[in-house]
Amino acid sequence: AAPSILRRSRARRGGKRVRFAQVTVYYFARRQG
């Protein structure tokens, strides 16, 4: 039997994730809007 399409997509999903390591905060001077 041909391998299931569903099994392949689940396997692919597990390895590709977005992970964030840090946050960059920008500071702006206040002005009248």
PDB file of all heavy atoms in Angstrom:
ATOM      1  N   ALA A   1       0.848  -1.197   0.000  1.00  0.00           N
ATOM      2  CA  ALA A   1       0.000   0.000   0.000  1.00  0.00           C
ATOM      3  C   ALA A   1       0.885   1.250   0.000  1.00  0.00           C
ATOM      4  O   ALA A   1       1.940   1.280   0.619  1.00  0.00           O
ATOM      5  CB  ALA A   1      -0.899   0.001   1.232  1.00  0.00           C
ATOM      6  N   ALA A   2       0.425   2.235  -0.725  1.00  0.00           N
ATOM      7  CA  ALA A   2       1.148   3.514  -0.763  1.00  0.00           C
ATOM      8  C   ALA A   2       1.058   4.170   0.609  1.00  0.00           C
ATOM      9  O   ALA A   2       0.042   4.071   1.287  1.00  0.00           O
ATOM     10  CB  ALA A   2       0.529   4.411  -1.821  1.00  0.00           C
ATOM     11  N   PRO A   3       2.124   4.837   1.031  1.00  0.00           N
ATOM     12  CA  PRO A   3       2.069   5.495   2.332  1.00  0.00           C
ATOM     13  C   PRO A   3       0.977   6.572   2.360  1.00  0.00           C
ATOM     14  O   PRO A   3       0.724   7.240   1.358  1.00  0.00           O
ATOM     15  CB  PRO A   3       3.448   6.111   2.497  1.00  0.00           C
ATOM     16  CG  PRO A   3       4.146   5.961   1.197  1.00  0.00           C
ATOM     17  CD  PRO A   3       3.373   5.012   0.352  1.00  0.00           C
ATOM     18  N   SER A   4       0.355   6.737   3.490  1.00  0.00           N
ATOM     19  CA  SER A   4      -0.752   7.681   3.649  1.00  0.00           C
ATOM     20  C   SER A   4      -0.257   9.122   3.531  1.00  0.00           C
ATOM     21  O   SER A   4       0.807   9.478   4.043  1.00  0.00           O
ATOM     22  CB  SER A   4      -1.416   7.477   5.003  1.00  0.00           C
ATOM     23  OG  SER A   4      -2.313   8.523   5.264  1.00  0.00           O
ATOM     24  N   ILE A   5      -1.035   9.913   2.878  1.00  0.00           N
ATOM     25  CA  ILE A   5      -0.731  11.342   2.754  1.00  0.00           C
ATOM     26  C   ILE A   5      -0.797  11.999   4.129  1.00  0.00           C
ATOM     27  O   ILE A   5      -0.001  12.870   4.465  1.00  0.00           O
ATOM     28  CB  ILE A   5      -1.719  12.019   1.781  1.00  0.00           C
ATOM     29  CG1 ILE A   5      -1.546  11.450   0.392  1.00  0.00           C
ATOM     30  CG2 ILE A   5      -1.531  13.521   1.782  1.00  0.00           C
ATOM     31  CD1 ILE A   5      -2.605  11.917  -0.584  1.00  0.00           C
ATOM     32  N   LEU A   6      -1.756  11.569   4.943  1.00  0.00           N
ATOM     33  CA  LEU A   6      -1.910  12.143   6.279  1.00  0.00           C
ATOM     34  C   LEU A   6      -0.683  11.896   7.138  1.00  0.00           C
ATOM     35  O   LEU A   6      -0.237  12.772   7.872  1.00  0.00           O
ATOM     36  CB  LEU A   6      -3.155  11.564   6.964  1.00  0.00           C
ATOM     37  CG  LEU A   6      -4.490  11.915   6.303  1.00  0.00           C
ATOM     38  CD1 LEU A   6      -5.627  11.190   7.010  1.00  0.00           C
ATOM     39  CD2 LEU A   6      -4.713  13.412   6.337  1.00  0.00           C
ATOM     40  N   ARG A   7      -0.123  10.714   7.080  1.00  0.00           N
ATOM     41  CA  ARG A   7       1.066  10.412   7.887  1.00  0.00           C
ATOM     42  C   ARG A   7       2.250  11.279   7.470  1.00  0.00           C
ATOM     43  O   ARG A   7       3.012  11.748   8.283  1.00  0.00           O
ATOM     44  CB  ARG A   7       1.427   8.931   7.751  1.00  0.00           C
ATOM     45  CG  ARG A   7       0.492   8.053   8.521  1.00  0.00           C
ATOM     46  CD  ARG A   7       1.001   6.629   8.560  1.00  0.00           C
ATOM     47  NE  ARG A   7      -0.048   5.777   9.077  1.00  0.00           N
ATOM     48  CZ  ARG A   7      -0.413   4.620   8.559  1.00  0.00           C
ATOM     49  NH1 ARG A   7       0.219   4.137   7.497  1.00  0.00           N
ATOM     50  NH2 ARG A   7      -1.383   3.929   9.090  1.00  0.00           N
ATOM     51  N   ARG A   8       2.381  11.503   6.187  1.00  0.00           N
ATOM     52  CA  ARG A   8       3.488  12.341   5.711  1.00  0.00           C
ATOM     53  C   ARG A   8       3.337  13.779   6.200  1.00  0.00           C
ATOM     54  O   ARG A   8       4.288  14.396   6.621  1.00  0.00           O
ATOM     55  CB  ARG A   8       3.547  12.316   4.183  1.00  0.00           C
ATOM     56  CG  ARG A   8       4.520  11.283   3.675  1.00  0.00           C
ATOM     57  CD  ARG A   8       4.799  11.480   2.223  1.00  0.00           C
ATOM     58  NE  ARG A   8       3.776  10.761   1.484  1.00  0.00           N
ATOM     59  CZ  ARG A   8       3.338  11.074   0.289  1.00  0.00           C
ATOM     60  NH1 ARG A   8       3.823  12.113  -0.328  1.00  0.00           N
ATOM     61  NH2 ARG A   8       2.423  10.373  -0.303  1.00  0.00           N
ATOM     62  N   SER A   9       2.131  14.309   6.128  1.00  0.00           N
ATOM     63  CA  SER A   9       1.950  15.710   6.526  1.00  0.00           C
ATOM     64  C   SER A   9       2.177  15.888   8.023  1.00  0.00           C
ATOM     65  O   SER A   9       2.693  16.895   8.461  1.00  0.00           O
ATOM     66  CB  SER A   9       0.568  16.220   6.123  1.00  0.00           C
ATOM     67  OG  SER A   9      -0.432  15.520   6.839  1.00  0.00           O
ATOM     68  N   ARG A  10       1.790  14.886   8.820  1.00  0.00           N
ATOM     69  CA  ARG A  10       2.037  14.975  10.261  1.00  0.00           C
ATOM     70  C   ARG A  10       3.530  14.947  10.548  1.00  0.00           C
ATOM     71  O   ARG A  10       4.025  15.679  11.397  1.00  0.00           O
ATOM     72  CB  ARG A  10       1.348  13.820  10.982  1.00  0.00           C
ATOM     73  CG  ARG A  10      -0.133  14.013  11.107  1.00  0.00           C
ATOM     74  CD  ARG A  10      -0.725  12.883  11.920  1.00  0.00           C
ATOM     75  NE  ARG A  10      -2.168  12.950  11.857  1.00  0.00           N
ATOM     76  CZ  ARG A  10      -2.975  11.932  12.044  1.00  0.00           C
ATOM     77  NH1 ARG A  10      -2.465  10.723  12.304  1.00  0.00           N
ATOM     78  NH2 ARG A  10      -4.269  12.079  11.981  1.00  0.00           N
ATOM     79  N   ALA A  11       4.241  14.118   9.861  1.00  0.00           N
ATOM     80  CA  ALA A  11       5.688  14.009  10.070  1.00  0.00           C
ATOM     81  C   ALA A  11       6.374  15.317   9.688  1.00  0.00           C
ATOM     82  O   ALA A  11       7.292  15.764  10.363  1.00  0.00           O
ATOM     83  CB  ALA A  11       6.256  12.847   9.254  1.00  0.00           C
ATOM     84  N   ARG A  12       5.938  15.928   8.627  1.00  0.00           N
ATOM     85  CA  ARG A  12       6.549  17.187   8.184  1.00  0.00           C
ATOM     86  C   ARG A  12       6.272  18.313   9.182  1.00  0.00           C
ATOM     87  O   ARG A  12       7.108  19.157   9.416  1.00  0.00           O
ATOM     88  CB  ARG A  12       6.007  17.586   6.812  1.00  0.00           C
ATOM     89  CG  ARG A  12       6.565  16.763   5.702  1.00  0.00           C
ATOM     90  CD  ARG A  12       6.053  17.274   4.375  1.00  0.00           C
ATOM     91  NE  ARG A  12       6.326  16.304   3.343  1.00  0.00           N
ATOM     92  CZ  ARG A  12       5.709  16.248   2.199  1.00  0.00           C
ATOM     93  NH1 ARG A  12       4.768  17.115   1.924  1.00  0.00           N
ATOM     94  NH2 ARG A  12       6.016  15.340   1.322  1.00  0.00           N
ATOM     95  N   ARG A  13       5.056  18.344   9.729  1.00  0.00           N
ATOM     96  CA  ARG A  13       4.691  19.418  10.651  1.00  0.00           C
ATOM     97  C   ARG A  13       5.567  19.427  11.894  1.00  0.00           C
ATOM     98  O   ARG A  13       5.881  20.469  12.424  1.00  0.00           O
ATOM     99  CB  ARG A  13       3.219  19.281  11.084  1.00  0.00           C
ATOM    100  CG  ARG A  13       2.296  20.059  10.193  1.00  0.00           C
ATOM    101  CD  ARG A  13       0.929  20.125  10.795  1.00  0.00           C
ATOM    102  NE  ARG A  13       0.171  18.964  10.329  1.00  0.00           N
ATOM    103  CZ  ARG A  13      -0.794  18.373  10.993  1.00  0.00           C
ATOM    104  NH1 ARG A  13      -1.146  18.805  12.170  1.00  0.00           N
ATOM    105  NH2 ARG A  13      -1.425  17.344  10.501  1.00  0.00           N
ATOM    106  N   GLY A  14       5.952  18.266  12.379  1.00  0.00           N
ATOM    107  CA  GLY A  14       6.708  18.176  13.622  1.00  0.00           C
ATOM    108  C   GLY A  14       8.061  18.849  13.555  1.00  0.00           C
ATOM    109  O   GLY A  14       8.536  19.382  14.543  1.00  0.00           O
ATOM    110  N   GLY A  15       8.713  18.879  12.408  1.00  0.00           N
ATOM    111  CA  GLY A  15      10.060  19.409  12.321  1.00  0.00           C
ATOM    112  C   GLY A  15      10.142  20.890  12.038  1.00  0.00           C
ATOM    113  O   GLY A  15      11.150  21.509  12.304  1.00  0.00           O
ATOM    114  N   LYS A  16       9.112  21.475  11.514  1.00  0.00           N
ATOM    115  CA  LYS A  16       9.176  22.881  11.116  1.00  0.00           C
ATOM    116  C   LYS A  16       8.306  23.717  12.041  1.00  0.00           C
ATOM    117  O   LYS A  16       7.091  23.730  11.929  1.00  0.00           O
ATOM    118  CB  LYS A  16       8.693  23.057   9.674  1.00  0.00           C
ATOM    119  CG  LYS A  16       9.596  22.399   8.670  1.00  0.00           C
ATOM    120  CD  LYS A  16       9.112  22.657   7.269  1.00  0.00           C
ATOM    121  CE  LYS A  16       9.998  21.980   6.250  1.00  0.00           C
ATOM    122  NZ  LYS A  16       9.540  22.237   4.896  1.00  0.00           N
ATOM    123  N   ARG A  17       8.967  24.413  12.935  1.00  0.00           N
ATOM    124  CA  ARG A  17       8.256  25.292  13.866  1.00  0.00           C
ATOM    125  C   ARG A  17       9.006  26.607  13.951  1.00  0.00           C
ATOM    126  O   ARG A  17      10.222  26.645  13.834  1.00  0.00           O
ATOM    127  CB  ARG A  17       8.181  24.670  15.253  1.00  0.00           C
ATOM    128  CG  ARG A  17       7.287  23.462  15.290  1.00  0.00           C
ATOM    129  CD  ARG A  17       7.087  23.023  16.701  1.00  0.00           C
ATOM    130  NE  ARG A  17       6.188  21.874  16.700  1.00  0.00           N
ATOM    131  CZ  ARG A  17       6.123  20.988  17.643  1.00  0.00           C
ATOM    132  NH1 ARG A  17       6.903  21.091  18.694  1.00  0.00           N
ATOM    133  NH2 ARG A  17       5.278  19.989  17.563  1.00  0.00           N
ATOM    134  N   VAL A  18       8.263  27.640  14.211  1.00  0.00           N
ATOM    135  CA  VAL A  18       8.883  28.946  14.416  1.00  0.00           C
ATOM    136  C   VAL A  18       9.134  29.091  15.904  1.00  0.00           C
ATOM    137  O   VAL A  18       8.244  28.884  16.720  1.00  0.00           O
ATOM    138  CB  VAL A  18       7.957  30.075  13.912  1.00  0.00           C
ATOM    139  CG1 VAL A  18       8.561  31.431  14.215  1.00  0.00           C
ATOM    140  CG2 VAL A  18       7.698  29.920  12.433  1.00  0.00           C
ATOM    141  N   ARG A  19      10.347  29.432  16.229  1.00  0.00           N
ATOM    142  CA  ARG A  19      10.702  29.652  17.631  1.00  0.00           C
ATOM    143  C   ARG A  19      11.373  31.015  17.745  1.00  0.00           C
ATOM    144  O   ARG A  19      12.205  31.379  16.912  1.00  0.00           O
ATOM    145  CB  ARG A  19      11.650  28.560  18.112  1.00  0.00           C
ATOM    146  CG  ARG A  19      10.970  27.222  18.232  1.00  0.00           C
ATOM    147  CD  ARG A  19      11.854  26.267  19.024  1.00  0.00           C
ATOM    148  NE  ARG A  19      11.138  25.052  19.305  1.00  0.00           N
ATOM    149  CZ  ARG A  19      11.226  23.938  18.582  1.00  0.00           C
ATOM    150  NH1 ARG A  19      12.008  23.904  17.530  1.00  0.00           N
ATOM    151  NH2 ARG A  19      10.531  22.873  18.905  1.00  0.00           N
ATOM    152  N   PHE A  20      11.021  31.735  18.792  1.00  0.00           N
ATOM    153  CA  PHE A  20      11.595  33.044  19.019  1.00  0.00           C
ATOM    154  C   PHE A  20      12.571  32.955  20.185  1.00  0.00           C
ATOM    155  O   PHE A  20      12.283  32.341  21.203  1.00  0.00           O
ATOM    156  CB  PHE A  20      10.497  34.070  19.335  1.00  0.00           C
ATOM    157  CG  PHE A  20       9.545  34.265  18.189  1.00  0.00           C
ATOM    158  CD1 PHE A  20       8.348  33.564  18.132  1.00  0.00           C
ATOM    159  CD2 PHE A  20       9.865  35.126  17.163  1.00  0.00           C
ATOM    160  CE1 PHE A  20       7.478  33.737  17.077  1.00  0.00           C
ATOM    161  CE2 PHE A  20       8.999  35.300  16.099  1.00  0.00           C
ATOM    162  CZ  PHE A  20       7.803  34.603  16.059  1.00  0.00           C
ATOM    163  N   ALA A  21      13.710  33.575  20.039  1.00  0.00           N
ATOM    164  CA  ALA A  21      14.733  33.515  21.077  1.00  0.00           C
ATOM    165  C   ALA A  21      14.832  34.833  21.845  1.00  0.00           C
ATOM    166  O   ALA A  21      15.221  34.850  22.995  1.00  0.00           O
ATOM    167  CB  ALA A  21      16.085  33.180  20.464  1.00  0.00           C
ATOM    168  N   GLN A  22      14.476  35.933  21.189  1.00  0.00           N
ATOM    169  CA  GLN A  22      14.616  37.221  21.846  1.00  0.00           C
ATOM    170  C   GLN A  22      13.578  38.211  21.352  1.00  0.00           C
ATOM    171  O   GLN A  22      12.927  37.994  20.337  1.00  0.00           O
ATOM    172  CB  GLN A  22      16.022  37.773  21.663  1.00  0.00           C
ATOM    173  CG  GLN A  22      16.485  37.878  20.229  1.00  0.00           C
ATOM    174  CD  GLN A  22      17.918  38.347  20.163  1.00  0.00           C
ATOM    175  OE1 GLN A  22      18.179  39.486  20.496  1.00  0.00           O
ATOM    176  NE2 GLN A  22      18.828  37.484  19.729  1.00  0.00           N
ATOM    177  N   VAL A  23      13.471  39.304  22.100  1.00  0.00           N
ATOM    178  CA  VAL A  23      12.525  40.374  21.793  1.00  0.00           C
ATOM    179  C   VAL A  23      13.338  41.657  21.658  1.00  0.00           C
ATOM    180  O   VAL A  23      14.186  41.941  22.504  1.00  0.00           O
ATOM    181  CB  VAL A  23      11.488  40.529  22.932  1.00  0.00           C
ATOM    182  CG1 VAL A  23      10.572  41.706  22.667  1.00  0.00           C
ATOM    183  CG2 VAL A  23      10.696  39.253  23.121  1.00  0.00           C
ATOM    184  N   THR A  24      13.080  42.414  20.617  1.00  0.00           N
ATOM    185  CA  THR A  24      13.714  43.717  20.458  1.00  0.00           C
ATOM    186  C   THR A  24      12.666  44.785  20.735  1.00  0.00           C
ATOM    187  O   THR A  24      11.602  44.790  20.119  1.00  0.00           O
ATOM    188  CB  THR A  24      14.272  43.906  19.038  1.00  0.00           C
ATOM    189  OG1 THR A  24      15.167  42.826  18.752  1.00  0.00           O
ATOM    190  CG2 THR A  24      15.006  45.227  18.902  1.00  0.00           C
ATOM    191  N   VAL A  25      12.957  45.674  21.672  1.00  0.00           N
ATOM    192  CA  VAL A  25      12.037  46.745  22.046  1.00  0.00           C
ATOM    193  C   VAL A  25      12.637  48.061  21.570  1.00  0.00           C
ATOM    194  O   VAL A  25      13.787  48.375  21.882  1.00  0.00           O
ATOM    195  CB  VAL A  25      11.818  46.788  23.576  1.00  0.00           C
ATOM    196  CG1 VAL A  25      10.872  47.924  23.951  1.00  0.00           C
ATOM    197  CG2 VAL A  25      11.282  45.457  24.071  1.00  0.00           C
ATOM    198  N   TYR A  26      11.850  48.815  20.818  1.00  0.00           N
ATOM    199  CA  TYR A  26      12.281  50.117  20.317  1.00  0.00           C
ATOM    200  C   TYR A  26      11.615  51.197  21.155  1.00  0.00           C
ATOM    201  O   TYR A  26      10.417  51.133  21.428  1.00  0.00           O
ATOM    202  CB  TYR A  26      11.891  50.292  18.841  1.00  0.00           C
ATOM    203  CG  TYR A  26      12.612  49.327  17.938  1.00  0.00           C
ATOM    204  CD1 TYR A  26      12.054  48.085  17.611  1.00  0.00           C
ATOM    205  CD2 TYR A  26      13.861  49.641  17.431  1.00  0.00           C
ATOM    206  CE1 TYR A  26      12.725  47.198  16.788  1.00  0.00           C
ATOM    207  CE2 TYR A  26      14.542  48.762  16.604  1.00  0.00           C
ATOM    208  CZ  TYR A  26      13.961  47.539  16.295  1.00  0.00           C
ATOM    209  OH  TYR A  26      14.632  46.664  15.489  1.00  0.00           O
ATOM    210  N   TYR A  27      12.393  52.199  21.552  1.00  0.00           N
ATOM    211  CA  TYR A  27      11.889  53.282  22.380  1.00  0.00           C
ATOM    212  C   TYR A  27      11.807  54.559  21.550  1.00  0.00           C
ATOM    213  O   TYR A  27      12.766  54.940  20.881  1.00  0.00           O
ATOM    214  CB  TYR A  27      12.813  53.506  23.580  1.00  0.00           C
ATOM    215  CG  TYR A  27      12.836  52.321  24.515  1.00  0.00           C
ATOM    216  CD1 TYR A  27      13.750  51.280  24.324  1.00  0.00           C
ATOM    217  CD2 TYR A  27      11.944  52.240  25.570  1.00  0.00           C
ATOM    218  CE1 TYR A  27      13.763  50.190  25.174  1.00  0.00           C
ATOM    219  CE2 TYR A  27      11.959  51.147  26.418  1.00  0.00           C
ATOM    220  CZ  TYR A  27      12.866  50.126  26.214  1.00  0.00           C
ATOM    221  OH  TYR A  27      12.880  49.044  27.042  1.00  0.00           O
ATOM    222  N   PHE A  28      10.656  55.219  21.616  1.00  0.00           N
ATOM    223  CA  PHE A  28      10.399  56.444  20.863  1.00  0.00           C
ATOM    224  C   PHE A  28      10.090  57.579  21.824  1.00  0.00           C
ATOM    225  O   PHE A  28       9.456  57.365  22.867  1.00  0.00           O
ATOM    226  CB  PHE A  28       9.186  56.262  19.944  1.00  0.00           C
ATOM    227  CG  PHE A  28       9.410  55.295  18.821  1.00  0.00           C
ATOM    228  CD1 PHE A  28       9.278  53.926  19.026  1.00  0.00           C
ATOM    229  CD2 PHE A  28       9.749  55.750  17.561  1.00  0.00           C
ATOM    230  CE1 PHE A  28       9.485  53.030  17.997  1.00  0.00           C
ATOM    231  CE2 PHE A  28       9.947  54.864  16.518  1.00  0.00           C
ATOM    232  CZ  PHE A  28       9.822  53.501  16.741  1.00  0.00           C
ATOM    233  N   ALA A  29      10.500  58.787  21.466  1.00  0.00           N
ATOM    234  CA  ALA A  29      10.143  59.967  22.258  1.00  0.00           C
ATOM    235  C   ALA A  29       8.654  60.250  22.039  1.00  0.00           C
ATOM    236  O   ALA A  29       8.103  59.987  20.967  1.00  0.00           O
ATOM    237  CB  ALA A  29      10.977  61.167  21.820  1.00  0.00           C
ATOM    238  N   ARG A  30       8.011  60.771  23.056  1.00  0.00           N
ATOM    239  CA  ARG A  30       6.579  61.089  22.967  1.00  0.00           C
ATOM    240  C   ARG A  30       6.402  62.441  22.287  1.00  0.00           C
ATOM    241  O   ARG A  30       7.150  63.373  22.527  1.00  0.00           O
ATOM    242  CB  ARG A  30       5.988  61.119  24.377  1.00  0.00           C
ATOM    243  CG  ARG A  30       4.488  61.124  24.399  1.00  0.00           C
ATOM    244  CD  ARG A  30       3.968  61.158  25.822  1.00  0.00           C
ATOM    245  NE  ARG A  30       4.433  60.083  26.665  1.00  0.00           N
ATOM    246  CZ  ARG A  30       3.855  58.883  26.762  1.00  0.00           C
ATOM    247  NH1 ARG A  30       2.797  58.617  26.045  1.00  0.00           N
ATOM    248  NH2 ARG A  30       4.337  57.977  27.581  1.00  0.00           N
ATOM    249  N   ARG A  31       5.409  62.527  21.432  1.00  0.00           N
ATOM    250  CA  ARG A  31       5.060  63.765  20.723  1.00  0.00           C
ATOM    251  C   ARG A  31       3.539  63.921  20.736  1.00  0.00           C
ATOM    252  O   ARG A  31       2.818  62.985  21.025  1.00  0.00           O
ATOM    253  CB  ARG A  31       5.516  63.709  19.255  1.00  0.00           C
ATOM    254  CG  ARG A  31       6.990  63.542  19.058  1.00  0.00           C
ATOM    255  CD  ARG A  31       7.699  64.882  19.223  1.00  0.00           C
ATOM    256  NE  ARG A  31       9.109  64.752  18.924  1.00  0.00           N
ATOM    257  CZ  ARG A  31      10.052  64.685  19.839  1.00  0.00           C
ATOM    258  NH1 ARG A  31       9.761  64.719  21.099  1.00  0.00           N
ATOM    259  NH2 ARG A  31      11.318  64.583  19.493  1.00  0.00           N
ATOM    260  N   GLN A  32       3.091  65.112  20.362  1.00  0.00           N
ATOM    261  CA  GLN A  32       1.651  65.286  20.180  1.00  0.00           C
ATOM    262  C   GLN A  32       1.274  64.517  18.918  1.00  0.00           C
ATOM    263  O   GLN A  32       1.972  64.592  17.904  1.00  0.00           O
ATOM    264  CB  GLN A  32       1.296  66.762  20.055  1.00  0.00           C
ATOM    265  CG  GLN A  32      -0.190  67.011  20.133  1.00  0.00           C
ATOM    266  CD  GLN A  32      -0.526  68.493  20.293  1.00  0.00           C
ATOM    267  OE1 GLN A  32       0.351  69.341  20.366  1.00  0.00           O
ATOM    268  NE2 GLN A  32      -1.804  68.788  20.341  1.00  0.00           N
ATOM    269  N   GLY A  33       0.186  63.761  18.992  1.00  0.00           N
ATOM    270  CA  GLY A  33      -0.118  62.760  17.979  1.00  0.00           C
ATOM    271  C   GLY A  33      -0.555  63.230  16.621  1.00  0.00           C
ATOM    272  O   GLY A  33       0.099  62.973  15.625  1.00  0.00           O
TER     273      GLY A  33
END
